[in-house]
Amino acid sequence: MAQLKEETMVVADLYAGALLDAAEDAEQQRELAAQLADLVAYVDRDRDFARFLIAATVDPEARRASLERLFRGRMSDLLVNLLQVMNRRRRLELVRMVSRCVQLRLEEQRQQQEVTVQTAVPLVHELRMAIQRIVGMWVGKTAILVEEVRPELIGGLVVRVKDKLIDGSLRRRLQELRAKLRDRTGRALHEADRYVA
């Protein structure tokens, strides 16, 4: 299952790369990213349209004509063309992933890195700026914080950068303390068994 998702992301990234490569300049790339994000937001709001995009029962030619009527002249021709290519290949379900890949590629161009920060309560401005500065120095890029509030962490924070995880939460510390106490108790019981005969 994980391999399938990884392969799907590779395909989505190929579409994202082709879209950005076709753009004339950085301004057009930003505009394409914004339009694609708007399209994803529209798909999220309109479940009927979302089903229309991916339904196997919809004839691709009918969907092509509908996409032309809906979007040609209202969004970039490059983006409409991409949707048509994805429609022909029956891959419109990848629209959300393509949008995400476009965003990640643009961040990479700008020397930016998304960093997920999980805390028990929302970050105050000063702490947010400090985390952004420290993590930015660590990764060598401008850190873009994606904040998640998770009350079960109790306190502290969890930082994830790509595949690296730094867990400084109080919950993790309590789990470690519990494990140490369990180990210590187990050792004490085993040692006591040696003296009982």
Protein backbone atom coordinates (compact mmCIF):
# COMPACT_ATOMS: atom_id res chain seq x y z
CA MET A 1 0.00 0.00 0.00
CA ALA A 2 2.82 2.41 0.90
CA GLN A 3 4.60 1.53 -2.35
CA LEU A 4 1.43 2.30 -4.33
CA LYS A 5 1.17 5.72 -2.66
CA GLU A 6 4.85 6.38 -3.36
CA GLU A 7 4.43 5.43 -7.03
CA THR A 8 1.35 7.65 -7.26
CA MET A 9 3.30 10.57 -5.79
CA VAL A 10 6.03 10.00 -8.39
CA VAL A 11 3.45 10.25 -11.18
CA ALA A 12 1.89 13.36 -9.59
CA ASP A 13 5.34 14.92 -9.29
CA LEU A 14 5.98 14.28 -13.00
CA TYR A 15 2.79 16.18 -13.83
CA ALA A 16 3.79 18.96 -11.42
CA GLY A 17 7.23 19.22 -12.98
CA ALA A 18 5.83 19.35 -16.51
CA LEU A 19 3.36 22.07 -15.51
CA LEU A 20 6.02 24.24 -13.87
CA ASP A 21 8.50 23.66 -16.72
CA ALA A 22 5.89 24.89 -19.22
CA ALA A 23 5.47 28.16 -17.32
CA GLU A 24 7.27 31.19 -18.74
CA ASP A 25 8.55 32.57 -15.44
CA ALA A 26 8.32 32.38 -11.65
CA GLU A 27 5.27 34.66 -11.60
CA GLN A 28 3.36 32.32 -13.91
CA GLN A 29 4.45 29.36 -11.77
CA ARG A 30 3.01 31.05 -8.67
CA GLU A 31 -0.21 31.80 -10.54
CA LEU A 32 -0.49 28.18 -11.70
CA ALA A 33 0.06 26.97 -8.12
CA ALA A 34 -2.65 29.33 -6.85
CA GLN A 35 -5.13 28.25 -9.53
CA LEU A 36 -4.42 24.59 -8.84
CA ALA A 37 -4.94 25.16 -5.10
CA ASP A 38 -8.24 26.92 -5.89
CA LEU A 39 -9.30 23.95 -8.02
CA VAL A 40 -8.51 21.53 -5.18
CA ALA A 41 -10.53 23.72 -2.78
CA TYR A 42 -13.43 23.63 -5.25
CA VAL A 43 -13.19 19.84 -5.54
CA ASP A 44 -13.25 19.62 -1.72
CA ARG A 45 -16.36 21.82 -1.52
CA ASP A 46 -18.32 20.18 -4.34
CA ARG A 47 -18.56 16.40 -3.84
CA ASP A 48 -20.58 15.98 -7.06
CA PHE A 49 -17.80 17.61 -9.08
CA ALA A 50 -15.22 15.49 -7.26
CA ARG A 51 -17.11 12.32 -8.23
CA PHE A 52 -17.47 13.60 -11.82
CA LEU A 53 -13.69 13.96 -12.10
CA ILE A 54 -12.91 10.40 -11.09
CA ALA A 55 -15.99 8.38 -12.01
CA ALA A 56 -15.13 5.48 -14.31
CA THR A 57 -18.69 5.65 -15.67
CA VAL A 58 -18.14 9.12 -17.16
CA ASP A 59 -16.98 9.03 -20.76
CA PRO A 60 -13.57 10.73 -21.03
CA GLU A 61 -14.70 12.65 -24.13
CA ALA A 62 -17.75 14.00 -22.32
CA ARG A 63 -15.55 14.94 -19.36
CA ARG A 64 -13.08 16.63 -21.74
CA ALA A 65 -15.85 18.78 -23.19
CA SER A 66 -17.11 19.66 -19.71
CA LEU A 67 -13.63 20.63 -18.52
CA GLU A 68 -13.27 22.88 -21.57
CA ARG A 69 -16.61 24.60 -20.90
CA LEU A 70 -15.93 24.98 -17.18
CA PHE A 71 -12.33 26.15 -17.17
CA ARG A 72 -11.05 27.35 -20.58
CA GLY A 73 -10.75 31.13 -20.32
CA ARG A 74 -11.24 31.06 -16.54
CA MET A 75 -7.87 29.55 -15.65
CA SER A 76 -4.51 29.24 -17.34
CA ASP A 77 -4.48 27.32 -20.61
CA LEU A 78 -1.49 25.38 -19.27
CA LEU A 79 -3.56 24.14 -16.34
CA VAL A 80 -6.57 23.28 -18.50
CA ASN A 81 -4.23 21.41 -20.85
CA LEU A 82 -2.79 19.48 -17.90
CA LEU A 83 -6.31 18.53 -16.77
CA GLN A 84 -7.06 17.30 -20.29
CA VAL A 85 -3.90 15.16 -20.36
CA MET A 86 -4.78 13.72 -16.94
CA ASN A 87 -8.34 13.08 -18.15
CA ARG A 88 -7.10 11.17 -21.23
CA ARG A 89 -4.91 9.03 -19.00
CA ARG A 90 -7.70 8.65 -16.40
CA ARG A 91 -5.62 10.22 -13.66
CA LEU A 92 -7.73 13.16 -12.53
CA GLU A 93 -7.83 11.63 -9.05
CA LEU A 94 -4.24 12.90 -8.75
CA VAL A 95 -5.23 16.59 -8.88
CA ARG A 96 -4.73 17.05 -5.13
CA MET A 97 -1.34 15.31 -5.21
CA VAL A 98 -0.24 17.33 -8.23
CA SER A 99 -1.13 20.52 -6.37
CA ARG A 100 0.89 19.36 -3.38
CA CYS A 101 3.88 18.48 -5.57
CA VAL A 102 3.72 21.88 -7.28
CA GLN A 103 3.78 23.54 -3.85
CA LEU A 104 6.74 21.44 -2.70
CA ARG A 105 8.68 22.16 -5.90
CA LEU A 106 8.12 25.90 -5.52
CA GLU A 107 9.24 25.76 -1.90
CA GLU A 108 12.39 23.92 -2.98
CA GLN A 109 13.11 26.63 -5.58
CA ARG A 110 12.78 29.29 -2.87
CA GLN A 111 15.03 27.38 -0.47
CA GLN A 112 12.10 26.71 1.86
CA GLN A 113 11.35 23.60 3.89
CA GLU A 114 8.02 22.62 5.43
CA VAL A 115 8.31 21.63 9.06
CA THR A 116 5.44 20.09 11.00
CA VAL A 117 5.29 21.27 14.61
CA GLN A 118 2.86 19.54 16.96
CA THR A 119 2.09 21.10 20.33
CA ALA A 120 -0.51 20.58 23.05
CA VAL A 121 -1.67 24.20 22.74
CA PRO A 122 -1.37 26.77 19.95
CA LEU A 123 2.06 28.39 19.64
CA VAL A 124 2.51 31.97 20.79
CA HIS A 125 4.12 34.30 18.26
CA GLU A 126 7.51 34.50 20.00
CA LEU A 127 7.86 30.71 20.26
CA ARG A 128 6.75 30.28 16.65
CA MET A 129 9.44 32.70 15.47
CA ALA A 130 12.10 31.01 17.65
CA ILE A 131 11.21 27.53 16.33
CA GLN A 132 11.21 28.82 12.77
CA ARG A 133 14.64 30.41 13.22
CA ILE A 134 16.23 27.40 14.98
CA VAL A 135 14.81 24.78 12.61
CA GLY A 136 15.68 26.99 9.64
CA MET A 137 19.32 27.04 10.75
CA TRP A 138 19.21 23.26 11.28
CA VAL A 139 17.88 22.48 7.78
CA GLY A 140 19.75 25.30 6.05
CA LYS A 141 16.56 26.72 4.53
CA THR A 142 13.71 29.02 5.48
CA ALA A 143 11.39 26.93 7.64
CA ILE A 144 7.68 27.03 6.86
CA LEU A 145 5.85 25.85 9.95
CA VAL A 146 2.80 23.64 9.61
CA GLU A 147 1.29 23.80 13.06
CA GLU A 148 -0.86 21.05 14.56
CA VAL A 149 -2.48 21.22 17.99
CA ARG A 150 -2.56 17.80 19.71
CA PRO A 151 -3.69 18.08 23.36
CA GLU A 152 -2.65 14.45 24.02
CA LEU A 153 0.99 15.57 23.89
CA ILE A 154 0.38 17.22 27.31
CA GLY A 155 3.30 19.63 26.82
CA GLY A 156 6.50 20.16 24.86
CA LEU A 157 6.54 19.71 21.11
CA VAL A 158 7.13 17.27 18.26
CA VAL A 159 8.98 18.49 15.15
CA ARG A 160 8.96 16.57 11.87
CA VAL A 161 11.20 17.53 8.95
CA LYS A 162 10.75 15.16 6.02
CA ASP A 163 11.56 11.74 7.53
CA LYS A 164 13.22 13.07 10.70
CA LEU A 165 11.25 13.24 13.93
CA ILE A 166 12.25 15.08 17.09
CA ASP A 167 9.87 14.21 19.91
CA GLY A 168 10.28 16.54 22.87
CA SER A 169 6.74 16.04 24.14
CA LEU A 170 5.89 15.47 27.77
CA ARG A 171 3.89 12.41 26.70
CA ARG A 172 7.05 10.79 25.26
CA ARG A 173 9.03 11.62 28.38
CA LEU A 174 6.33 10.04 30.55
CA GLN A 175 6.34 6.94 28.32
CA GLU A 176 10.13 6.68 28.68
CA LEU A 177 9.87 7.11 32.46
CA ARG A 178 7.16 4.42 32.61
CA ALA A 179 9.36 2.04 30.57
CA LYS A 180 12.36 2.69 32.84
CA LEU A 181 10.27 2.06 35.95
CA ARG A 182 8.89 -1.14 34.43
CA ASP A 183 12.41 -2.33 33.56
CA ARG A 184 13.74 -1.42 37.00
CA THR A 185 10.83 -3.19 38.69
CA GLY A 186 11.37 -6.26 36.51
CA ARG A 187 15.08 -6.37 37.35
CA ALA A 188 14.33 -5.94 41.06
CA LEU A 189 11.87 -8.84 40.96
CA HIS A 190 14.39 -11.08 39.15
CA GLU A 191 17.09 -10.20 41.65
CA ALA A 192 14.71 -10.91 44.53
CA ASP A 193 13.96 -14.37 43.04
CA ARG A 194 17.64 -15.27 43.44
CA TYR A 195 17.51 -14.67 47.17
CA VAL A 196 14.30 -16.60 47.72
CA ALA A 197 14.90 -20.33 48.02
